[in-house]
Protein backbone atom coordinates (compact mmCIF):
# COMPACT_ATOMS: atom_id res chain seq x y z
CA MET A 1 -52.66 -140.54 147.73
CA THR A 2 -54.04 -139.77 144.29
CA ARG A 3 -52.81 -136.15 144.30
CA ASN A 4 -49.17 -137.10 144.81
CA PRO A 5 -46.84 -136.92 141.82
CA ILE A 6 -46.76 -140.24 139.97
CA VAL A 7 -43.63 -142.31 139.51
CA ILE A 8 -43.83 -145.14 136.97
CA PHE A 9 -41.11 -147.61 137.87
CA VAL A 10 -40.09 -149.50 134.73
CA HIS A 11 -37.92 -152.38 135.74
CA GLY A 12 -36.63 -155.78 134.87
CA GLY A 13 -36.52 -157.34 131.51
CA PRO A 14 -36.44 -159.53 129.83
CA GLY A 15 -37.70 -162.09 132.29
CA CYS A 16 -36.47 -160.32 135.42
CA SER A 17 -38.30 -158.33 138.06
CA GLU A 18 -37.02 -155.80 140.59
CA ILE A 19 -40.17 -155.75 142.76
CA PRO A 20 -38.59 -157.73 145.63
CA TYR A 21 -35.76 -155.19 145.85
CA VAL A 22 -37.73 -151.97 145.49
CA ARG A 23 -40.14 -152.90 148.28
CA GLU A 24 -37.27 -152.20 150.67
CA TYR A 25 -37.59 -148.47 149.92
CA GLN A 26 -41.11 -148.10 148.57
CA ASP A 27 -42.71 -147.11 151.87
CA LEU A 28 -40.44 -144.06 152.01
CA LEU A 29 -41.34 -143.07 148.45
CA GLU A 30 -45.07 -143.56 149.01
CA LYS A 31 -45.10 -140.72 151.53
CA ASN A 32 -44.66 -138.25 148.67
CA PHE A 33 -45.40 -140.15 145.46
CA THR A 34 -47.87 -142.57 143.93
CA ILE A 35 -45.74 -145.50 142.76
CA VAL A 36 -46.75 -147.57 139.74
CA HIS A 37 -44.74 -150.73 139.06
CA TYR A 38 -44.56 -151.74 135.43
CA ASP A 39 -43.37 -155.15 134.29
CA GLN A 40 -42.70 -154.89 130.58
CA ARG A 41 -44.09 -157.64 128.36
CA GLY A 42 -42.16 -160.80 129.02
CA SER A 43 -40.65 -159.50 132.26
CA GLY A 44 -41.35 -160.21 135.90
CA LYS A 45 -44.95 -161.23 136.57
CA SER A 46 -45.90 -160.86 132.91
CA TYR A 47 -43.38 -163.54 131.90
CA HIS A 48 -44.91 -166.87 130.93
CA PHE A 49 -42.76 -169.94 130.34
CA PHE A 50 -42.96 -171.40 126.84
CA GLU A 51 -44.55 -168.24 125.40
CA ASP A 52 -43.02 -166.92 122.18
CA TYR A 53 -41.61 -163.44 122.76
CA SER A 54 -39.85 -163.18 119.40
CA ASN A 55 -42.19 -160.35 118.35
CA LEU A 56 -40.97 -158.02 121.11
CA SER A 57 -39.28 -154.89 119.90
CA THR A 58 -38.18 -151.65 121.44
CA GLY A 59 -40.97 -149.88 119.57
CA LEU A 60 -43.63 -152.21 120.98
CA LEU A 61 -42.31 -151.80 124.54
CA VAL A 62 -42.26 -148.00 124.16
CA ASP A 63 -45.83 -148.05 122.80
CA ASP A 64 -46.92 -150.13 125.80
CA LEU A 65 -45.27 -147.68 128.20
CA LEU A 66 -46.90 -144.68 126.50
CA ALA A 67 -50.30 -146.39 126.73
CA LEU A 68 -49.71 -147.07 130.43
CA THR A 69 -48.65 -143.45 130.98
CA ASP A 70 -51.85 -142.21 129.35
CA TYR A 71 -53.96 -144.62 131.41
CA VAL A 72 -52.34 -143.66 134.72
CA ALA A 73 -52.54 -139.92 133.97
CA ASP A 74 -56.24 -140.26 133.13
CA LYS A 75 -57.01 -142.46 136.14
CA PHE A 76 -55.39 -140.04 138.58
CA GLY A 77 -56.38 -136.86 136.72
CA GLN A 78 -52.79 -135.71 136.26
CA ASP A 79 -50.67 -134.57 133.33
C-alpha cells in the first residue's frame, strides 16, 4: 500500500544479496510497510562478472542511497 511507511532495505555487498533470506519474513512486514530492496552497486543483482568496481567508494554508495531515498519519497508522496 502506498500510504504505508517505507522501509528501504539496504543489504549485501559487495557481491552478496540477502533477498533470498528476507523473503522469509517480508510478507509479515508488507502488512504495515512498503518494502524497497536496494542492491548497492556491485552487489546482488547489480553485480556483473568482469566489471571493474575499483571506482566504488563509500561516498558514491551513500550518494546512490540518497538519490534512491529521494526517488522513493517522491514516487510515494512521503517525506
